[in-house]
Every structure is written in structure tokens, then in C-alpha cells.
Amino acid sequence: MSVTASRQLVEALTAAGVTTLVVHDFDESGFTICHTLQSDTERYQFTCSPNVKCLGLRLTDVQEMGLDSESVDYRGTKYGLKKCGATSEEVEFLAGGERVELNAMDSGQFIEWLGKKFQEHGVKKVIPDRATLESAYKLAILTRQGNVAIARVQQEWDENGHDIQVPSDLEEQVRSRLSGTELSWDEAIKDIEAPEMPTSP
């Protein structure tokens, strides 16, 4: 259930012109959660009408997709469900001790179902303001240039690695440098010069 902080967040988002979308299971808790996020209670009263839209799973969705239900120990009242927006048919289904969770859908069903809910509530893709677009464009170009540079350095690194001659007595040299010191093996190996050191650029 929503805590006071979540309702305060909804209220702040509403004041900023943001719509809160609520996706929930088709059960008593789902209806109650969505209702609480947009209705006054003894514990919290909204100072403005909260901009909340419920995208919850409904009985018509369950029937259209043929989703499996599961048994649940129903402890609420039919009036409570009706107050939270359930239809008479939904009340009878839920009060009869059955519910359907969102995970009754497979991934494909869920994505398609959520897309339809978005369309029903007028959700559209957002294009931000000019300043945000310019910033994102510059970042995309710089990232692309950076990836090209990194790939070039990596290729040069790999090619240079093929030319390095590894000393045949490498293990003995590492042991020698570790003796009587607190160096780790990887610190010691940095002090070992290759037979032919590449010229610094």
C-alpha cells in the first residue's frame, strides 16, 4: 500500500504537470493501491486533485487473453471494491476468492497489453525542448567519436602486443624482485624491461 511519502510525491508531480500511471494486478490490493494514490484518507488529504490514471489489469483483459486465475483468501468487502472502482462483475469475481496477477501474462502479452493501455490514456512519445535535444545530440556525436578513438587505440594496443618479446626467464626475474620486498607480483613485473622497449611517441 502507498505510504504518505508516495502520496506526497504524487501531489508534487501533479503540481509539476506530471501524470502518474499505476499498473497493478487484478485483485483487491491492486484496486486499493490505485484508489489510495488518488483519494483522501484519514491519514492524508490531498491539497489538489491528484493526476493519477489507473492502468490496472481488469476482468475484460483477463477474459480477452484467457489468463489463468489463482485462489486467494479474500478478506475485504464488496463495498470496498466498488468504492475503488471495480464493476459489479469484477466484485463478484474477486469476492469469490480469485485473482489474476500481471505475471499471468507472458512477456509478449504484457508488452502488447501495456501498449494498449497507454493508447487508451493518450500516452505518446515525448520530444523534449531544443536545449535538451542539442545537448543529447552533442553527447551522441562525442560518444560516437570516443568509441571510434577507443577502437583505434585498442587495435594499436593489440598489434603492439604481438611485437613484444617476453623474456624466457620472466618467472625467475619476478621471484628475484619479490625477494626481501613487500611488492606483489604484478607490481614487480612492471619493473621488468622488455628486451626492446618501444620508442615513446
C-alpha atoms as a PDB file:
ATOM      1  CA  MET A   1       0.000   0.000   0.000  1.00  0.00           C
ATOM      2  CA  SER A   2       1.120   3.549  -0.645  1.00  0.00           C
ATOM      3  CA  VAL A   3       2.825   5.323   2.207  1.00  0.00           C
ATOM      4  CA  THR A   4       2.364   9.025   2.925  1.00  0.00           C
ATOM      5  CA  ALA A   5       5.597   9.845   1.088  1.00  0.00           C
ATOM      6  CA  SER A   6       4.322   8.286  -2.141  1.00  0.00           C
ATOM      7  CA  ARG A   7       1.139  10.367  -1.972  1.00  0.00           C
ATOM      8  CA  GLN A   8       3.192  13.472  -1.339  1.00  0.00           C
ATOM      9  CA  LEU A   9       5.217  12.566  -4.428  1.00  0.00           C
ATOM     10  CA  VAL A  10       2.051  12.162  -6.493  1.00  0.00           C
ATOM     11  CA  GLU A  11       0.866  15.560  -5.304  1.00  0.00           C
ATOM     12  CA  ALA A  12       4.203  17.201  -6.159  1.00  0.00           C
ATOM     13  CA  LEU A  13       4.229  15.575  -9.606  1.00  0.00           C
ATOM     14  CA  THR A  14       0.678  16.742 -10.212  1.00  0.00           C
ATOM     15  CA  ALA A  15       1.675  20.292  -9.363  1.00  0.00           C
ATOM     16  CA  ALA A  16       4.522  19.965 -11.892  1.00  0.00           C
ATOM     17  CA  GLY A  17       2.101  18.803 -14.589  1.00  0.00           C
ATOM     18  CA  VAL A  18       3.187  15.163 -14.477  1.00  0.00           C
ATOM     19  CA  THR A  19       0.705  12.298 -14.749  1.00  0.00           C
ATOM     20  CA  THR A  20       1.237   9.241 -12.545  1.00  0.00           C
ATOM     21  CA  LEU A  21       0.350   5.947 -14.247  1.00  0.00           C
ATOM     22  CA  VAL A  22      -0.434   2.979 -11.993  1.00  0.00           C
ATOM     23  CA  VAL A  23      -0.145  -0.606 -13.244  1.00  0.00           C
ATOM     24  CA  HIS A  24      -1.500  -3.224 -10.861  1.00  0.00           C
ATOM     25  CA  ASP A  25      -2.732  -6.787 -10.520  1.00  0.00           C
ATOM     26  CA  PHE A  26      -6.395  -7.664 -10.865  1.00  0.00           C
ATOM     27  CA  ASP A  27      -7.058  -8.180  -7.178  1.00  0.00           C
ATOM     28  CA  GLU A  28      -8.274  -6.378  -4.089  1.00  0.00           C
ATOM     29  CA  SER A  29      -4.856  -4.909  -3.304  1.00  0.00           C
ATOM     30  CA  GLY A  30      -4.434  -3.575  -6.830  1.00  0.00           C
ATOM     31  CA  PHE A  31      -7.713  -1.658  -6.741  1.00  0.00           C
ATOM     32  CA  THR A  32      -6.968  -0.363  -3.232  1.00  0.00           C
ATOM     33  CA  ILE A  33      -3.453   0.775  -4.100  1.00  0.00           C
ATOM     34  CA  CYS A  34      -4.632   2.814  -7.072  1.00  0.00           C
ATOM     35  CA  HIS A  35      -7.560   4.266  -5.118  1.00  0.00           C
ATOM     36  CA  THR A  36      -5.344   5.312  -2.211  1.00  0.00           C
ATOM     37  CA  LEU A  37      -2.927   7.124  -4.536  1.00  0.00           C
ATOM     38  CA  GLN A  38      -5.669   9.494  -5.660  1.00  0.00           C
ATOM     39  CA  SER A  39      -8.143   9.700  -2.780  1.00  0.00           C
ATOM     40  CA  ASP A  40      -8.165  11.408   0.610  1.00  0.00           C
ATOM     41  CA  THR A  41      -7.888   9.220   3.703  1.00  0.00           C
ATOM     42  CA  GLU A  42      -7.850   9.895   7.429  1.00  0.00           C
ATOM     43  CA  ARG A  43      -4.074   9.789   7.301  1.00  0.00           C
ATOM     44  CA  TYR A  44      -3.540  12.008   4.266  1.00  0.00           C
ATOM     45  CA  GLN A  45      -5.584  14.616   2.441  1.00  0.00           C
ATOM     46  CA  PHE A  46      -4.544  15.978  -0.943  1.00  0.00           C
ATOM     47  CA  THR A  47      -4.407  19.753  -1.361  1.00  0.00           C
ATOM     48  CA  CYS A  48      -5.079  19.418  -5.109  1.00  0.00           C
ATOM     49  CA  SER A  49      -6.789  16.848  -7.306  1.00  0.00           C
ATOM     50  CA  PRO A  50      -4.100  14.201  -7.962  1.00  0.00           C
ATOM     51  CA  ASN A  51      -3.379  13.486 -11.617  1.00  0.00           C
ATOM     52  CA  VAL A  52      -3.389   9.684 -11.443  1.00  0.00           C
ATOM     53  CA  LYS A  53      -4.535   7.197 -14.067  1.00  0.00           C
ATOM     54  CA  CYS A  54      -5.047   3.501 -13.353  1.00  0.00           C
ATOM     55  CA  LEU A  55      -3.720   1.126 -15.990  1.00  0.00           C
ATOM     56  CA  GLY A  56      -4.519  -1.936 -13.913  1.00  0.00           C
ATOM     57  CA  LEU A  57      -5.454  -5.369 -15.182  1.00  0.00           C
ATOM     58  CA  ARG A  58      -9.250  -5.664 -15.458  1.00  0.00           C
ATOM     59  CA  LEU A  59     -11.660  -8.566 -15.834  1.00  0.00           C
ATOM     60  CA  THR A  60     -12.230  -7.783 -19.517  1.00  0.00           C
ATOM     61  CA  ASP A  61      -8.464  -8.058 -20.079  1.00  0.00           C
ATOM     62  CA  VAL A  62      -8.398 -11.400 -18.263  1.00  0.00           C
ATOM     63  CA  GLN A  63     -11.246 -12.736 -20.357  1.00  0.00           C
ATOM     64  CA  GLU A  64      -9.875 -11.474 -23.677  1.00  0.00           C
ATOM     65  CA  MET A  65      -6.455 -13.039 -23.074  1.00  0.00           C
ATOM     66  CA  GLY A  66      -7.755 -16.145 -21.317  1.00  0.00           C
ATOM     67  CA  LEU A  67      -5.474 -15.607 -18.338  1.00  0.00           C
ATOM     68  CA  ASP A  68      -5.363 -18.114 -15.504  1.00  0.00           C
ATOM     69  CA  SER A  69      -6.600 -17.035 -12.088  1.00  0.00           C
ATOM     70  CA  GLU A  70      -5.414 -18.217  -8.698  1.00  0.00           C
ATOM     71  CA  SER A  71      -7.188 -18.722  -5.398  1.00  0.00           C
ATOM     72  CA  VAL A  72      -6.811 -16.132  -2.679  1.00  0.00           C
ATOM     73  CA  ASP A  73      -8.216 -15.698   0.826  1.00  0.00           C
ATOM     74  CA  TYR A  74     -10.446 -12.662   0.280  1.00  0.00           C
ATOM     75  CA  ARG A  75     -10.784 -10.575   3.439  1.00  0.00           C
ATOM     76  CA  GLY A  76     -12.322  -7.356   2.161  1.00  0.00           C
ATOM     77  CA  THR A  77     -15.851  -6.211   1.497  1.00  0.00           C
ATOM     78  CA  LYS A  78     -17.753  -5.852  -1.754  1.00  0.00           C
ATOM     79  CA  TYR A  79     -18.400  -2.230  -0.871  1.00  0.00           C
ATOM     80  CA  GLY A  80     -14.670  -1.602  -0.581  1.00  0.00           C
ATOM     81  CA  LEU A  81     -14.080  -2.916  -4.088  1.00  0.00           C
ATOM     82  CA  LYS A  82     -16.928  -0.858  -5.534  1.00  0.00           C
ATOM     83  CA  LYS A  83     -15.568   2.262  -3.820  1.00  0.00           C
ATOM     84  CA  CYS A  84     -12.224   1.599  -5.501  1.00  0.00           C
ATOM     85  CA  GLY A  85     -13.814   1.446  -8.960  1.00  0.00           C
ATOM     86  CA  ALA A  86     -14.459  -2.265  -9.551  1.00  0.00           C
ATOM     87  CA  THR A  87     -17.502  -3.186 -11.639  1.00  0.00           C
ATOM     88  CA  SER A  88     -20.224  -5.458 -10.249  1.00  0.00           C
ATOM     89  CA  GLU A  89     -18.900  -8.376 -12.297  1.00  0.00           C
ATOM     90  CA  GLU A  90     -15.356  -7.733 -11.067  1.00  0.00           C
ATOM     91  CA  VAL A  91     -16.570  -7.529  -7.475  1.00  0.00           C
ATOM     92  CA  GLU A  92     -18.247 -10.929  -7.731  1.00  0.00           C
ATOM     93  CA  PHE A  93     -15.122 -12.467  -9.271  1.00  0.00           C
ATOM     94  CA  LEU A  94     -12.729 -11.096  -6.660  1.00  0.00           C
ATOM     95  CA  ALA A  95     -15.036 -11.576  -3.676  1.00  0.00           C
ATOM     96  CA  GLY A  96     -15.387 -15.194  -4.807  1.00  0.00           C
ATOM     97  CA  GLY A  97     -11.772 -15.772  -3.832  1.00  0.00           C
ATOM     98  CA  GLU A  98      -9.990 -15.454  -7.194  1.00  0.00           C
ATOM     99  CA  ARG A  99      -7.405 -13.025  -8.520  1.00  0.00           C
ATOM    100  CA  VAL A 100      -5.160 -12.635 -11.574  1.00  0.00           C
ATOM    101  CA  GLU A 101      -1.666 -11.215 -11.314  1.00  0.00           C
ATOM    102  CA  LEU A 102       0.231  -9.362 -14.025  1.00  0.00           C
ATOM    103  CA  ASN A 103       2.699 -12.233 -14.279  1.00  0.00           C
ATOM    104  CA  ALA A 104      -0.116 -14.434 -15.605  1.00  0.00           C
ATOM    105  CA  MET A 105       0.797 -12.777 -18.915  1.00  0.00           C
ATOM    106  CA  ASP A 106       3.929 -13.775 -20.785  1.00  0.00           C
ATOM    107  CA  SER A 107       6.359 -11.028 -21.868  1.00  0.00           C
ATOM    108  CA  GLY A 108       4.765 -10.552 -25.287  1.00  0.00           C
ATOM    109  CA  GLN A 109       1.260 -10.327 -23.856  1.00  0.00           C
ATOM    110  CA  PHE A 110       2.360  -7.849 -21.207  1.00  0.00           C
ATOM    111  CA  ILE A 111       4.062  -5.504 -23.683  1.00  0.00           C
ATOM    112  CA  GLU A 112       1.063  -5.575 -26.037  1.00  0.00           C
ATOM    113  CA  TRP A 113      -1.380  -5.085 -23.155  1.00  0.00           C
ATOM    114  CA  LEU A 114       0.605  -2.167 -21.708  1.00  0.00           C
ATOM    115  CA  GLY A 115       0.825  -0.544 -25.142  1.00  0.00           C
ATOM    116  CA  LYS A 116      -2.964  -0.661 -25.465  1.00  0.00           C
ATOM    117  CA  LYS A 117      -3.364   0.862 -22.007  1.00  0.00           C
ATOM    118  CA  PHE A 118      -1.030   3.688 -22.994  1.00  0.00           C
ATOM    119  CA  GLN A 119      -3.117   4.364 -26.097  1.00  0.00           C
ATOM    120  CA  GLU A 120      -6.341   4.352 -24.091  1.00  0.00           C
ATOM    121  CA  HIS A 121      -4.946   7.042 -21.792  1.00  0.00           C
ATOM    122  CA  GLY A 122      -3.381   9.154 -24.532  1.00  0.00           C
ATOM    123  CA  VAL A 123       0.233   8.362 -23.690  1.00  0.00           C
ATOM    124  CA  LYS A 124       2.557   9.448 -26.514  1.00  0.00           C
ATOM    125  CA  LYS A 125       6.282   9.587 -27.124  1.00  0.00           C
ATOM    126  CA  VAL A 126       7.897  12.789 -25.877  1.00  0.00           C
ATOM    127  CA  ILE A 127      10.171  15.114 -27.843  1.00  0.00           C
ATOM    128  CA  PRO A 128      11.959  17.458 -25.413  1.00  0.00           C
ATOM    129  CA  ASP A 129      12.793  21.133 -25.889  1.00  0.00           C
ATOM    130  CA  ARG A 130      15.511  22.457 -28.219  1.00  0.00           C
ATOM    131  CA  ALA A 131      18.147  22.812 -25.499  1.00  0.00           C
ATOM    132  CA  THR A 132      17.718  19.213 -24.361  1.00  0.00           C
ATOM    133  CA  LEU A 133      17.823  17.955 -27.964  1.00  0.00           C
ATOM    134  CA  GLU A 134      21.020  19.903 -28.681  1.00  0.00           C
ATOM    135  CA  SER A 135      22.695  18.567 -25.534  1.00  0.00           C
ATOM    136  CA  ALA A 136      21.697  14.987 -26.357  1.00  0.00           C
ATOM    137  CA  TYR A 137      22.896  15.389 -29.965  1.00  0.00           C
ATOM    138  CA  LYS A 138      26.302  16.670 -28.902  1.00  0.00           C
ATOM    139  CA  LEU A 139      26.642  13.832 -26.401  1.00  0.00           C
ATOM    140  CA  ALA A 140      25.736  11.274 -29.085  1.00  0.00           C
ATOM    141  CA  ILE A 141      28.334  12.686 -31.503  1.00  0.00           C
ATOM    142  CA  LEU A 142      31.061  12.871 -28.846  1.00  0.00           C
ATOM    143  CA  THR A 143      30.264   9.333 -27.703  1.00  0.00           C
ATOM    144  CA  ARG A 144      30.471   8.076 -31.278  1.00  0.00           C
ATOM    145  CA  GLN A 145      33.825   9.821 -31.795  1.00  0.00           C
ATOM    146  CA  GLY A 146      35.072   8.467 -28.477  1.00  0.00           C
ATOM    147  CA  ASN A 147      34.120   4.903 -29.397  1.00  0.00           C
ATOM    148  CA  VAL A 148      35.990   5.223 -32.700  1.00  0.00           C
ATOM    149  CA  ALA A 149      39.079   6.523 -30.894  1.00  0.00           C
ATOM    150  CA  ILE A 150      38.914   3.747 -28.301  1.00  0.00           C
ATOM    151  CA  ALA A 151      38.602   1.110 -31.029  1.00  0.00           C
ATOM    152  CA  ARG A 152      41.650   2.569 -32.811  1.00  0.00           C
ATOM    153  CA  VAL A 153      43.724   2.567 -29.625  1.00  0.00           C
ATOM    154  CA  GLN A 154      42.618  -0.972 -28.828  1.00  0.00           C
ATOM    155  CA  GLN A 155      43.655  -2.158 -32.289  1.00  0.00           C
ATOM    156  CA  GLU A 156      47.056  -0.487 -31.951  1.00  0.00           C
ATOM    157  CA  TRP A 157      47.425  -1.963 -28.484  1.00  0.00           C
ATOM    158  CA  ASP A 158      46.661  -5.473 -29.749  1.00  0.00           C
ATOM    159  CA  GLU A 159      49.047  -5.106 -32.681  1.00  0.00           C
ATOM    160  CA  ASN A 160      51.861  -3.762 -30.490  1.00  0.00           C
ATOM    161  CA  GLY A 161      51.368  -6.652 -28.122  1.00  0.00           C
ATOM    162  CA  HIS A 162      52.303  -9.125 -30.850  1.00  0.00           C
ATOM    163  CA  ASP A 163      55.711  -7.457 -31.260  1.00  0.00           C
ATOM    164  CA  ILE A 164      56.728  -7.622 -27.596  1.00  0.00           C
ATOM    165  CA  GLN A 165      59.260 -10.311 -26.796  1.00  0.00           C
ATOM    166  CA  VAL A 166      58.604 -11.946 -23.412  1.00  0.00           C
ATOM    167  CA  PRO A 167      61.807 -12.802 -21.511  1.00  0.00           C
ATOM    168  CA  SER A 168      62.377 -16.531 -21.248  1.00  0.00           C
ATOM    169  CA  ASP A 169      63.371 -16.116 -17.583  1.00  0.00           C
ATOM    170  CA  LEU A 170      60.324 -13.963 -16.695  1.00  0.00           C
ATOM    171  CA  GLU A 171      59.345 -16.080 -13.679  1.00  0.00           C
ATOM    172  CA  GLU A 172      62.890 -16.006 -12.292  1.00  0.00           C
ATOM    173  CA  GLN A 173      63.056 -12.228 -12.673  1.00  0.00           C
ATOM    174  CA  VAL A 174      59.744 -11.794 -10.821  1.00  0.00           C
ATOM    175  CA  ARG A 175      60.933 -14.045  -7.990  1.00  0.00           C
ATOM    176  CA  SER A 176      64.172 -12.069  -7.771  1.00  0.00           C
ATOM    177  CA  ARG A 177      62.380  -8.750  -7.482  1.00  0.00           C
ATOM    178  CA  LEU A 178      59.941 -10.065  -4.859  1.00  0.00           C
ATOM    179  CA  SER A 179      62.689 -11.378  -2.604  1.00  0.00           C
ATOM    180  CA  GLY A 180      63.011  -9.281   0.548  1.00  0.00           C
ATOM    181  CA  THR A 181      60.361  -6.782  -0.506  1.00  0.00           C
ATOM    182  CA  GLU A 182      56.657  -6.151   0.118  1.00  0.00           C
ATOM    183  CA  LEU A 183      55.923  -5.936  -3.588  1.00  0.00           C
ATOM    184  CA  SER A 184      53.163  -8.013  -5.126  1.00  0.00           C
ATOM    185  CA  TRP A 185      53.951  -9.990  -8.285  1.00  0.00           C
ATOM    186  CA  ASP A 186      52.079  -7.576 -10.534  1.00  0.00           C
ATOM    187  CA  GLU A 187      53.953  -4.614  -9.055  1.00  0.00           C
ATOM    188  CA  ALA A 188      57.274  -6.402  -9.563  1.00  0.00           C
ATOM    189  CA  ILE A 189      56.547  -7.288 -13.170  1.00  0.00           C
ATOM    190  CA  LYS A 190      56.144  -3.606 -14.050  1.00  0.00           C
ATOM    191  CA  ASP A 191      59.858  -3.094 -13.318  1.00  0.00           C
ATOM    192  CA  ILE A 192      60.972  -5.712 -15.812  1.00  0.00           C
ATOM    193  CA  GLU A 193      62.033  -4.206 -19.108  1.00  0.00           C
ATOM    194  CA  ALA A 194      61.372  -5.890 -22.387  1.00  0.00           C
ATOM    195  CA  PRO A 195      64.427  -6.733 -24.478  1.00  0.00           C
ATOM    196  CA  GLU A 196      63.407  -3.989 -26.897  1.00  0.00           C
ATOM    197  CA  MET A 197      61.375  -1.162 -25.391  1.00  0.00           C
ATOM    198  CA  PRO A 198      59.146   0.647 -27.901  1.00  0.00           C
ATOM    199  CA  THR A 199      60.058   4.243 -28.609  1.00  0.00           C
ATOM    200  CA  SER A 200      57.813   6.718 -26.766  1.00  0.00           C
ATOM    201  CA  PRO A 201      55.675   8.860 -29.082  1.00  0.00           C
END
